[in-house]
């Protein structure tokens, strides 16, 4: 990846970010892959310009192998943290998961 590219840059944690923002490339790419238009993505991330959204998508299309490898690494990172979170006890989470009754709203009698 060329480091002078203004649409995608690598931060100090080796995470790809879009434009001058802290928005992760993962977020833009996931929205794009789910069929969101660049305009919709821009609305979801107001810190981005429409040009930066289009630029990030273009970067992904023109650097398909690098983008795929990056997403593979990111998915592995997310899975690691998910597994770690689920392996530690969390009383509130456990109570919510095992709750069998729900409060039903009372309508007119």
N, C-alpha and C. Protein backbone atom coordinates (compact mmCIF):
# COMPACT_ATOMS: atom_id res chain seq x y z
N UNK A 1 0.86 -1.18 0.00
CA UNK A 1 0.00 0.00 0.00
C UNK A 1 0.89 1.23 0.00
N UNK A 2 0.60 2.19 -0.83
CA UNK A 2 1.39 3.41 -0.83
C UNK A 2 0.97 4.25 0.37
N UNK A 3 1.92 4.70 1.15
CA UNK A 3 1.64 5.42 2.38
C UNK A 3 1.14 6.84 2.12
N UNK A 4 1.30 7.35 0.89
CA UNK A 4 0.83 8.70 0.60
C UNK A 4 -0.61 8.72 0.10
N UNK A 5 -1.26 7.57 0.09
CA UNK A 5 -2.67 7.49 -0.32
C UNK A 5 -3.52 8.17 0.73
N UNK A 6 -4.30 9.15 0.34
CA UNK A 6 -5.10 9.89 1.31
C UNK A 6 -6.43 9.21 1.64
N UNK A 7 -6.79 8.17 0.92
CA UNK A 7 -8.08 7.52 1.15
C UNK A 7 -7.99 6.38 2.16
N UNK A 8 -6.86 5.74 2.24
CA UNK A 8 -6.67 4.64 3.18
C UNK A 8 -5.29 4.81 3.80
N UNK A 9 -5.23 4.78 5.12
CA UNK A 9 -3.94 4.85 5.79
C UNK A 9 -3.90 3.85 6.94
N UNK A 10 -2.69 3.48 7.28
CA UNK A 10 -2.46 2.51 8.35
C UNK A 10 -2.12 3.29 9.62
N UNK A 11 -2.81 2.96 10.72
CA UNK A 11 -2.55 3.68 11.97
C UNK A 11 -1.42 3.00 12.75
N UNK A 12 -1.18 3.51 13.95
CA UNK A 12 -0.09 3.00 14.79
C UNK A 12 -0.32 1.57 15.27
N UNK A 13 -1.54 1.06 15.16
CA UNK A 13 -1.87 -0.31 15.56
C UNK A 13 -2.00 -1.25 14.35
N UNK A 14 -1.57 -0.78 13.20
CA UNK A 14 -1.61 -1.56 11.96
C UNK A 14 -3.04 -1.78 11.46
N UNK A 15 -3.95 -0.87 11.82
CA UNK A 15 -5.35 -0.93 11.38
C UNK A 15 -5.52 0.06 10.24
N UNK A 16 -6.19 -0.36 9.18
CA UNK A 16 -6.44 0.53 8.05
C UNK A 16 -7.62 1.44 8.36
N UNK A 17 -7.41 2.72 8.16
CA UNK A 17 -8.41 3.75 8.42
C UNK A 17 -8.73 4.48 7.13
N UNK A 18 -9.90 5.12 7.10
CA UNK A 18 -10.36 5.80 5.89
C UNK A 18 -10.13 7.31 6.03
N UNK A 19 -9.54 7.89 4.99
CA UNK A 19 -9.34 9.32 4.93
C UNK A 19 -8.55 9.83 6.11
N UNK A 20 -8.96 10.97 6.62
CA UNK A 20 -8.30 11.59 7.78
C UNK A 20 -8.99 11.18 9.08
N UNK A 21 -9.93 10.27 9.00
CA UNK A 21 -10.75 9.90 10.15
C UNK A 21 -10.15 8.70 10.88
N UNK A 22 -10.85 8.29 11.94
CA UNK A 22 -10.51 7.07 12.67
C UNK A 22 -11.44 5.92 12.26
N UNK A 23 -12.26 6.14 11.24
CA UNK A 23 -13.19 5.10 10.78
C UNK A 23 -12.38 3.96 10.17
N UNK A 24 -12.65 2.76 10.66
CA UNK A 24 -11.92 1.59 10.16
C UNK A 24 -12.39 1.24 8.75
N UNK A 25 -11.45 0.83 7.92
CA UNK A 25 -11.78 0.38 6.57
C UNK A 25 -12.77 -0.78 6.64
N UNK A 26 -12.64 -1.61 7.67
CA UNK A 26 -13.55 -2.75 7.86
C UNK A 26 -15.01 -2.31 7.80
N UNK A 27 -15.31 -1.19 8.46
CA UNK A 27 -16.69 -0.70 8.54
C UNK A 27 -17.22 -0.29 7.18
N UNK A 28 -16.41 0.43 6.44
CA UNK A 28 -16.83 0.88 5.10
C UNK A 28 -16.98 -0.31 4.17
N UNK A 29 -16.01 -1.21 4.22
CA UNK A 29 -16.05 -2.38 3.34
C UNK A 29 -17.23 -3.29 3.68
N UNK A 30 -17.52 -3.48 4.96
CA UNK A 30 -18.66 -4.32 5.35
C UNK A 30 -19.97 -3.71 4.86
N UNK A 31 -20.12 -2.40 5.01
CA UNK A 31 -21.33 -1.74 4.53
C UNK A 31 -21.46 -1.88 3.02
N UNK A 32 -20.37 -1.69 2.30
CA UNK A 32 -20.36 -1.82 0.84
C UNK A 32 -20.76 -3.23 0.43
N UNK A 33 -20.18 -4.24 1.11
CA UNK A 33 -20.48 -5.63 0.78
C UNK A 33 -21.92 -6.01 1.12
N UNK A 34 -22.55 -5.27 2.04
CA UNK A 34 -23.96 -5.49 2.37
C UNK A 34 -24.89 -4.71 1.45
N UNK A 35 -24.33 -4.06 0.44
CA UNK A 35 -25.15 -3.40 -0.56
C UNK A 35 -25.47 -1.94 -0.29
N UNK A 36 -24.84 -1.34 0.72
CA UNK A 36 -25.08 0.07 0.99
C UNK A 36 -24.38 0.94 -0.06
N UNK A 37 -25.03 2.00 -0.45
CA UNK A 37 -24.43 2.92 -1.41
C UNK A 37 -23.38 3.77 -0.70
N UNK A 38 -22.44 4.34 -1.46
CA UNK A 38 -21.47 5.25 -0.84
C UNK A 38 -22.15 6.41 -0.10
N UNK A 39 -23.26 6.88 -0.63
CA UNK A 39 -23.99 7.96 0.03
C UNK A 39 -24.54 7.52 1.39
N UNK A 40 -25.04 6.30 1.46
CA UNK A 40 -25.55 5.76 2.73
C UNK A 40 -24.40 5.56 3.71
N UNK A 41 -23.28 5.05 3.22
CA UNK A 41 -22.11 4.86 4.08
C UNK A 41 -21.65 6.21 4.62
N UNK A 42 -21.64 7.21 3.77
CA UNK A 42 -21.25 8.56 4.19
C UNK A 42 -22.19 9.06 5.29
N UNK A 43 -23.47 8.79 5.16
CA UNK A 43 -24.44 9.21 6.19
C UNK A 43 -24.19 8.48 7.51
N UNK A 44 -23.74 7.23 7.43
CA UNK A 44 -23.47 6.45 8.64
C UNK A 44 -22.21 6.93 9.36
N UNK A 45 -21.28 7.50 8.61
CA UNK A 45 -20.00 7.95 9.17
C UNK A 45 -19.78 9.41 8.79
N UNK A 46 -20.37 10.33 9.53
CA UNK A 46 -20.31 11.75 9.16
C UNK A 46 -18.91 12.35 9.17
N UNK A 47 -17.95 11.67 9.79
CA UNK A 47 -16.58 12.19 9.76
C UNK A 47 -15.90 11.96 8.42
N UNK A 48 -16.53 11.16 7.55
CA UNK A 48 -16.00 10.90 6.22
C UNK A 48 -16.64 11.81 5.19
N UNK A 49 -15.87 12.14 4.17
CA UNK A 49 -16.45 12.83 3.02
C UNK A 49 -16.89 11.77 2.02
N UNK A 50 -17.76 12.15 1.12
CA UNK A 50 -18.19 11.21 0.08
C UNK A 50 -17.00 10.79 -0.77
N UNK A 51 -16.10 11.71 -1.03
CA UNK A 51 -14.89 11.38 -1.78
C UNK A 51 -14.06 10.32 -1.07
N UNK A 52 -13.94 10.42 0.26
CA UNK A 52 -13.17 9.43 1.01
C UNK A 52 -13.84 8.06 0.96
N UNK A 53 -15.15 8.02 1.01
CA UNK A 53 -15.87 6.73 0.91
C UNK A 53 -15.61 6.10 -0.45
N UNK A 54 -15.81 6.87 -1.52
CA UNK A 54 -15.54 6.35 -2.86
C UNK A 54 -14.07 5.95 -3.00
N UNK A 55 -13.18 6.77 -2.45
CA UNK A 55 -11.75 6.48 -2.54
C UNK A 55 -11.39 5.19 -1.83
N UNK A 56 -11.98 4.95 -0.65
CA UNK A 56 -11.70 3.72 0.09
C UNK A 56 -12.22 2.49 -0.67
N UNK A 57 -13.40 2.61 -1.26
CA UNK A 57 -13.96 1.50 -2.04
C UNK A 57 -13.08 1.25 -3.26
N UNK A 58 -12.67 2.30 -3.92
CA UNK A 58 -11.79 2.17 -5.08
C UNK A 58 -10.47 1.53 -4.68
N UNK A 59 -9.93 1.95 -3.52
CA UNK A 59 -8.68 1.37 -3.05
C UNK A 59 -8.85 -0.13 -2.85
N UNK A 60 -9.96 -0.55 -2.23
CA UNK A 60 -10.20 -1.97 -2.00
C UNK A 60 -10.31 -2.75 -3.31
N UNK A 61 -10.98 -2.15 -4.29
CA UNK A 61 -11.13 -2.82 -5.59
C UNK A 61 -9.80 -2.93 -6.32
N UNK A 62 -8.96 -1.93 -6.18
CA UNK A 62 -7.68 -1.94 -6.89
C UNK A 62 -6.57 -2.64 -6.11
N UNK A 63 -6.81 -2.95 -4.86
CA UNK A 63 -5.86 -3.68 -4.02
C UNK A 63 -6.56 -4.89 -3.40
N UNK A 64 -7.23 -5.65 -4.24
CA UNK A 64 -8.10 -6.73 -3.77
C UNK A 64 -7.36 -7.74 -2.89
N UNK A 65 -6.15 -8.14 -3.29
CA UNK A 65 -5.43 -9.13 -2.50
C UNK A 65 -5.05 -8.58 -1.13
N UNK A 66 -4.55 -7.35 -1.10
CA UNK A 66 -4.17 -6.72 0.17
C UNK A 66 -5.39 -6.51 1.06
N UNK A 67 -6.49 -6.08 0.47
CA UNK A 67 -7.72 -5.87 1.24
C UNK A 67 -8.24 -7.19 1.81
N UNK A 68 -8.20 -8.25 1.01
CA UNK A 68 -8.67 -9.56 1.47
C UNK A 68 -7.79 -10.08 2.61
N UNK A 69 -6.50 -9.93 2.48
CA UNK A 69 -5.58 -10.38 3.53
C UNK A 69 -5.79 -9.57 4.82
N UNK A 70 -5.99 -8.28 4.67
CA UNK A 70 -6.26 -7.43 5.82
C UNK A 70 -7.55 -7.86 6.52
N UNK A 71 -8.62 -8.08 5.74
CA UNK A 71 -9.89 -8.49 6.33
C UNK A 71 -9.77 -9.86 7.01
N UNK A 72 -8.98 -10.74 6.45
CA UNK A 72 -8.75 -12.05 7.07
C UNK A 72 -8.07 -11.87 8.43
N UNK A 73 -7.07 -11.00 8.50
CA UNK A 73 -6.40 -10.72 9.78
C UNK A 73 -7.36 -10.09 10.78
N UNK A 74 -8.16 -9.14 10.30
CA UNK A 74 -9.11 -8.47 11.19
C UNK A 74 -10.15 -9.44 11.73
N UNK A 75 -10.66 -10.33 10.87
CA UNK A 75 -11.64 -11.33 11.31
C UNK A 75 -11.04 -12.24 12.37
N UNK A 76 -9.78 -12.63 12.20
CA UNK A 76 -9.11 -13.46 13.19
C UNK A 76 -8.97 -12.71 14.51
N UNK A 77 -8.66 -11.44 14.45
CA UNK A 77 -8.55 -10.62 15.66
C UNK A 77 -9.88 -10.54 16.37
N UNK A 78 -10.97 -10.27 15.62
CA UNK A 78 -12.30 -10.19 16.23
C UNK A 78 -12.69 -11.52 16.86
N UNK A 79 -12.40 -12.62 16.20
CA UNK A 79 -12.74 -13.94 16.74
C UNK A 79 -11.95 -14.21 18.02
N UNK A 80 -10.69 -13.83 18.04
CA UNK A 80 -9.86 -14.00 19.24
C UNK A 80 -10.51 -13.28 20.42
N UNK A 81 -10.87 -12.01 20.23
CA UNK A 81 -11.44 -11.23 21.32
C UNK A 81 -12.84 -11.71 21.70
N UNK A 82 -13.59 -12.19 20.73
CA UNK A 82 -14.91 -12.74 21.04
C UNK A 82 -14.77 -13.99 21.90
N UNK A 83 -13.88 -14.89 21.49
CA UNK A 83 -13.66 -16.12 22.25
C UNK A 83 -13.14 -15.82 23.64
N UNK A 84 -12.25 -14.87 23.73
CA UNK A 84 -11.72 -14.49 25.04
C UNK A 84 -12.82 -13.93 25.93
N UNK A 85 -13.67 -13.10 25.36
CA UNK A 85 -14.77 -12.52 26.12
C UNK A 85 -15.74 -13.59 26.59
N UNK A 86 -16.03 -14.53 25.72
CA UNK A 86 -16.99 -15.57 26.07
C UNK A 86 -16.41 -16.60 27.03
N UNK A 87 -15.10 -16.69 27.12
CA UNK A 87 -14.49 -17.66 28.02
C UNK A 87 -14.37 -17.12 29.45
N UNK A 88 -14.54 -15.84 29.61
CA UNK A 88 -14.49 -15.26 30.96
C UNK A 88 -15.91 -15.10 31.48
N UNK A 89 -16.06 -15.27 32.75
CA UNK A 89 -17.38 -15.14 33.35
C UNK A 89 -17.85 -13.70 33.40
N UNK A 90 -19.08 -13.49 33.10
CA UNK A 90 -19.70 -12.17 33.19
C UNK A 90 -21.10 -12.41 33.75
N UNK A 91 -21.30 -12.02 34.99
CA UNK A 91 -22.56 -12.33 35.68
C UNK A 91 -23.77 -11.75 34.96
N UNK A 92 -23.70 -10.50 34.53
CA UNK A 92 -24.85 -9.89 33.85
C UNK A 92 -25.14 -10.61 32.54
N UNK A 93 -24.12 -10.85 31.75
CA UNK A 93 -24.32 -11.54 30.47
C UNK A 93 -24.93 -12.92 30.70
N UNK A 94 -24.41 -13.64 31.69
CA UNK A 94 -24.93 -14.98 31.97
C UNK A 94 -26.38 -14.94 32.41
N UNK A 95 -26.75 -13.95 33.24
CA UNK A 95 -28.15 -13.83 33.68
C UNK A 95 -29.05 -13.51 32.50
N UNK A 96 -28.61 -12.62 31.61
CA UNK A 96 -29.43 -12.27 30.45
C UNK A 96 -29.61 -13.46 29.52
N UNK A 97 -28.56 -14.24 29.34
CA UNK A 97 -28.65 -15.40 28.45
C UNK A 97 -29.54 -16.50 29.00
N UNK A 98 -29.60 -16.62 30.32
CA UNK A 98 -30.40 -17.70 30.90
C UNK A 98 -31.80 -17.25 31.30
N UNK A 99 -32.09 -15.97 31.13
CA UNK A 99 -33.43 -15.48 31.50
C UNK A 99 -34.47 -16.19 30.64
N UNK A 100 -35.47 -16.74 31.30
CA UNK A 100 -36.50 -17.47 30.56
C UNK A 100 -37.83 -16.74 30.55
N UNK A 101 -37.96 -15.75 31.36
CA UNK A 101 -39.22 -15.02 31.39
C UNK A 101 -39.00 -13.60 30.92
N UNK A 102 -39.98 -13.08 30.26
CA UNK A 102 -39.94 -11.72 29.76
C UNK A 102 -41.14 -10.99 30.31
N UNK A 103 -40.98 -9.75 30.60
CA UNK A 103 -42.10 -8.94 31.07
C UNK A 103 -42.99 -8.65 29.88
N UNK A 104 -44.23 -9.04 29.97
CA UNK A 104 -45.18 -8.81 28.90
C UNK A 104 -45.95 -7.53 29.20
N UNK A 105 -46.05 -6.62 28.22
CA UNK A 105 -46.83 -5.41 28.46
C UNK A 105 -48.28 -5.77 28.72
N UNK A 106 -48.86 -5.06 29.67
CA UNK A 106 -50.27 -5.30 30.01
C UNK A 106 -51.16 -4.40 29.18
N UNK A 107 -52.05 -4.98 28.45
CA UNK A 107 -53.01 -4.23 27.64
C UNK A 107 -54.26 -3.95 28.45
N UNK A 108 -55.23 -3.28 27.85
CA UNK A 108 -56.48 -3.01 28.56
C UNK A 108 -57.18 -4.32 28.91
N UNK A 109 -57.76 -4.37 30.10
CA UNK A 109 -58.43 -5.58 30.56
C UNK A 109 -59.84 -5.70 30.01
